[in-house]
Structures are given as structure tokens and as C-alpha cells.
Protein backbone atom coordinates (compact mmCIF):
# COMPACT_ATOMS: atom_id res chain seq x y z
CA UNK A 1 -20.50 56.10 84.59
CA UNK A 2 -21.13 59.68 83.49
CA UNK A 3 -18.82 59.20 80.46
CA UNK A 4 -20.72 56.04 79.41
CA UNK A 5 -24.07 57.87 79.74
CA UNK A 6 -22.74 60.82 77.68
CA UNK A 7 -21.40 58.41 75.04
CA UNK A 8 -24.77 56.60 74.79
CA UNK A 9 -26.72 59.88 74.51
CA UNK A 10 -24.28 61.21 71.89
CA UNK A 11 -24.53 57.98 69.90
CA UNK A 12 -28.33 58.02 70.00
CA UNK A 13 -28.40 61.67 68.95
CA UNK A 14 -26.04 60.97 66.05
CA UNK A 15 -28.14 57.98 64.94
CA UNK A 16 -31.33 60.10 65.17
CA UNK A 17 -29.88 62.96 63.11
CA UNK A 18 -28.52 60.48 60.53
CA UNK A 19 -31.91 58.77 60.30
CA UNK A 20 -33.71 62.09 59.69
CA UNK A 21 -31.13 63.11 57.08
CA UNK A 22 -31.39 59.74 55.27
CA UNK A 23 -35.21 59.90 55.42
CA UNK A 24 -35.23 63.34 53.76
CA UNK A 25 -32.78 62.25 51.05
CA UNK A 26 -34.66 59.00 50.34
CA UNK A 27 -37.99 60.85 50.28
CA UNK A 28 -36.64 63.22 47.66
CA UNK A 29 -35.46 60.47 45.34
CA UNK A 30 -37.82 57.57 45.95
CA UNK A 31 -40.94 56.88 43.84
CA UNK A 32 -43.05 57.86 46.85
CA UNK A 33 -41.53 61.34 46.61
CA UNK A 34 -43.98 62.06 43.81
CA UNK A 35 -46.61 62.37 46.53
CA UNK A 36 -44.69 64.72 48.84
CA UNK A 37 -45.33 68.21 47.46
CA UNK A 38 -43.27 70.07 50.05
CA UNK A 39 -40.18 68.14 48.99
CA UNK A 40 -41.03 68.39 45.29
CA UNK A 41 -42.45 71.85 44.79
CA UNK A 42 -41.25 71.84 41.16
CA UNK A 43 -43.47 68.86 40.39
CA UNK A 44 -46.65 70.90 40.24
CA UNK A 45 -48.40 72.69 37.37
CA UNK A 46 -46.15 75.47 36.06
CA UNK A 47 -47.42 79.05 35.58
CA UNK A 48 -46.96 78.53 31.82
CA UNK A 49 -49.39 75.58 31.78
CA UNK A 50 -51.71 77.31 34.27
CA UNK A 51 -52.05 80.15 31.73
CA UNK A 52 -53.62 77.63 29.34
CA UNK A 53 -56.25 76.52 31.86
CA UNK A 54 -59.15 78.45 30.23
CA UNK A 55 -58.36 76.92 26.81
CA UNK A 56 -57.89 73.42 28.24
CA UNK A 57 -61.15 73.75 30.19
CA UNK A 58 -62.92 74.98 27.04
CA UNK A 59 -61.89 71.96 24.94
CA UNK A 60 -62.35 69.47 27.78
CA UNK A 61 -65.94 70.73 28.14
CA UNK A 62 -66.51 70.70 24.36
CA UNK A 63 -65.41 67.04 24.30
CA UNK A 64 -67.58 66.06 27.27
CA UNK A 65 -64.62 65.38 29.55
CA UNK A 66 -64.64 68.53 31.69
CA UNK A 67 -63.98 66.39 34.79
CA UNK A 68 -60.54 65.59 33.37
CA UNK A 69 -59.41 69.22 32.97
CA UNK A 70 -56.76 68.97 35.72
CA UNK A 71 -55.53 65.66 34.34
CA UNK A 72 -55.19 67.13 30.83
CA UNK A 73 -53.18 69.97 32.38
CA UNK A 74 -50.91 67.38 34.00
CA UNK A 75 -50.45 65.75 30.57
CA UNK A 76 -49.54 69.14 29.09
CA UNK A 77 -47.09 69.60 31.95
CA UNK A 78 -45.42 66.27 31.24
CA UNK A 79 -45.37 66.91 27.50
CA UNK A 80 -43.94 70.43 27.37
CA UNK A 81 -44.23 72.20 30.74
CA UNK A 82 -46.01 74.86 28.66
CA UNK A 83 -42.77 75.89 26.97
CA UNK A 84 -43.46 74.58 23.45
CA UNK A 85 -45.96 75.84 20.88
CA UNK A 86 -47.22 72.27 20.56
CA UNK A 87 -48.19 72.38 24.22
CA UNK A 88 -49.59 68.84 24.30
CA UNK A 89 -47.12 67.44 21.73
CA UNK A 90 -50.18 66.44 19.71
CA UNK A 91 -48.60 66.54 16.24
CA UNK A 92 -47.63 62.87 16.29
CA UNK A 93 -51.17 61.83 17.24
CA UNK A 94 -52.14 63.17 13.79
CA UNK A 95 -49.37 61.21 12.07
CA UNK A 96 -47.32 64.38 11.67
CA UNK A 97 -43.65 64.98 12.56
CA UNK A 98 -42.96 66.26 16.07
CA UNK A 99 -43.74 69.95 16.66
CA UNK A 100 -45.60 70.37 13.35
CA UNK A 101 -48.42 72.07 15.26
CA UNK A 102 -47.29 75.63 15.96
CA UNK A 103 -50.41 77.11 17.59
CA UNK A 104 -50.93 76.31 21.29
CA UNK A 105 -54.73 76.36 21.00
CA UNK A 106 -54.62 73.91 18.08
CA UNK A 107 -52.33 71.64 20.10
CA UNK A 108 -54.72 71.72 23.06
CA UNK A 109 -57.77 71.08 20.85
CA UNK A 110 -56.10 68.13 19.07
CA UNK A 111 -54.53 66.76 22.26
CA UNK A 112 -57.81 66.91 24.18
CA UNK A 113 -59.67 65.15 21.34
CA UNK A 114 -56.98 62.46 21.29
CA UNK A 115 -57.22 61.96 25.04
CA UNK A 116 -60.99 61.56 24.69
CA UNK A 117 -60.41 58.85 22.06
CA UNK A 118 -57.89 57.19 24.38
CA UNK A 119 -60.44 57.22 27.22
CA UNK A 120 -63.14 55.71 25.01
CA UNK A 121 -60.83 53.01 23.66
CA UNK A 122 -59.62 52.25 27.20
CA UNK A 123 -63.22 51.75 28.37
CA UNK A 124 -62.83 54.48 30.96
CA UNK A 125 -59.62 53.04 32.45
CA UNK A 126 -57.85 56.34 33.16
CA UNK A 127 -54.37 54.86 33.61
CA UNK A 128 -54.68 52.98 30.33
CA UNK A 129 -55.90 56.16 28.59
CA UNK A 130 -52.97 58.18 29.96
CA UNK A 131 -50.42 55.59 28.84
CA UNK A 132 -52.16 55.32 25.45
CA UNK A 133 -51.76 59.07 25.03
CA UNK A 134 -48.02 58.41 25.02
CA UNK A 135 -47.85 55.02 23.27
CA UNK A 136 -50.72 55.43 20.84
CA UNK A 137 -54.22 53.94 20.86
CA UNK A 138 -52.90 50.53 19.82
CA UNK A 139 -51.72 50.06 23.40
CA UNK A 140 -55.37 49.55 24.47
CA UNK A 141 -55.66 46.68 22.00
CA UNK A 142 -52.43 45.20 23.36
CA UNK A 143 -53.75 45.37 26.92
CA UNK A 144 -57.05 43.73 25.89
CA UNK A 145 -55.12 40.74 24.53
CA UNK A 146 -52.85 40.59 27.61
CA UNK A 147 -55.23 40.30 30.54
CA UNK A 148 -57.49 43.26 29.81
CA UNK A 149 -56.20 45.56 32.55
CA UNK A 150 -53.46 48.18 32.51
CA UNK A 151 -50.38 47.43 34.62
CA UNK A 152 -46.97 49.15 34.69
CA UNK A 153 -45.45 45.77 33.76
CA UNK A 154 -47.53 45.64 30.56
CA UNK A 155 -46.37 49.16 29.68
CA UNK A 156 -42.73 48.08 30.08
CA UNK A 157 -43.35 44.93 28.04
CA UNK A 158 -45.13 46.83 25.23
CA UNK A 159 -42.36 49.44 25.10
CA UNK A 160 -39.66 46.76 24.75
CA UNK A 161 -41.60 44.82 22.11
CA UNK A 162 -42.33 47.93 20.01
CA UNK A 163 -38.70 49.11 20.25
CA UNK A 164 -37.52 45.68 19.06
CA UNK A 165 -40.14 45.56 16.28
CA UNK A 166 -39.22 49.04 15.01
CA UNK A 167 -35.49 48.53 15.66
CA UNK A 168 -35.45 51.63 17.84
CA UNK A 169 -33.37 52.25 20.95
CA UNK A 170 -36.57 52.78 22.97
CA UNK A 171 -40.29 53.32 22.44
CA UNK A 172 -42.30 55.94 24.32
CA UNK A 173 -42.19 56.41 28.06
CA UNK A 174 -43.32 53.25 29.89
CA UNK A 175 -43.49 55.27 33.14
CA UNK A 176 -45.71 57.93 31.58
CA UNK A 177 -48.65 57.31 33.95
CA UNK A 178 -46.49 57.94 37.03
CA UNK A 179 -44.88 60.98 35.42
CA UNK A 180 -48.28 62.54 34.63
CA UNK A 181 -49.85 61.60 37.96
CA UNK A 182 -47.06 63.17 40.01
CA UNK A 183 -48.06 66.58 38.63
CA UNK A 184 -51.76 65.87 39.08
CA UNK A 185 -51.39 64.57 42.65
CA UNK A 186 -48.88 67.16 43.84
CA UNK A 187 -50.93 70.03 42.42
CA UNK A 188 -54.01 68.69 44.22
CA UNK A 189 -52.09 68.38 47.49
CA UNK A 190 -50.57 71.85 47.04
CA UNK A 191 -54.07 73.33 46.72
CA UNK A 192 -55.33 71.44 49.77
CA UNK A 193 -52.38 72.73 51.83
CA UNK A 194 -53.02 76.28 50.56
CA UNK A 195 -56.70 76.00 51.58
CA UNK A 196 -55.76 74.86 55.10
CA UNK A 197 -53.28 77.74 55.46
CA UNK A 198 -55.85 80.39 54.44
């Protein structure tokens, strides 16, 4: 009887430990992991991008979109992690080859202006504006003729159609909204945790 009891307890303990281990692994690699800052501490705003905060705030305010300063920082994070001179990879938004802009402040000014245009064209739909930053402003027109509301499925569809049309391997990043928002959300959560711990 004692052996059976020991075997049951051991089995339950092994199952429990396995469950916890699998939960941690799945949390780290699932889409929901983007919202678990303690498991993804690298998915927050880098010190390099944080150094540009005053400049980003300056141009966000100048363009009347100061409330989007943190979001613009998340875009910069996704674009370059602050490690390129064209911080916001804004050259292509001007019809120029990649990395033509070689001054970080110019990149931030141009990128912020482009994001403002994307917001206006998207009618204030932030997800649509974020995805349009990556795809180009024509994506807003595409969405308007395909139901009028941004969805991840439309982003995938647009990417495939444009790649086929241009005979490219791929077009843009159809998961761009999620990739930007993970930095935005995790940074916000990191700050909230820091406040609670102070």
C-alpha cells in the first residue's frame, strides 16, 4: 500500500514539474509571450532607442501626435533597434534606396511625418497606420476596398498579392503590427512593474 502511495505521489510530482516546464517553454515561444515581459526582457525599448526619446518626442509634438511618442519609439525599435543611422528606416518612405538617410535626427523627423500621414490616411486606426508604415500608404486604400477595417488576414493577403505583382519573394512584414506592439506593450508593463517595486 505504501509503495502504491509513493508511486502515485511521485507520478503526480513528475507530471506537475513537467507541466510547469512545458508552460514556461510554451510561454517563451507562443504569440502570447509578447505580453510576458519577465520572460522576454529583450523585447523592450533598447538603451540605444531610449537615447533618441527627446528627439522622437520633439518631432511627435511638432507633428501634433505627441500621444504616440512611445509607439513611434516601438516602431524605431522594430526598424533598427537604434543601431542604424536611419533609425526609423525612413529612406524608402521618400522613394529613396534603403539607408540613404545617414543622420538619425533626419530619419526620426521623416519617419514621424510619415507615421502622421499613415495615421491620417488610416482615419485614426492605429493598427492600420502601423502596418501602413511598413507596407506603404497604399495599404490603407487596399483595406478600404476590402471591408474597411484592418485585420491581420488582410495584411497577409496584401503581402502575398504585392509579392506576386512585383515578382518578389516576399513583400514587407505582414506581422509588423504584432512586432511593433510587443515592444510597446512590454515596455509599458516593464515600467508598471518597476513602479510597483519602488
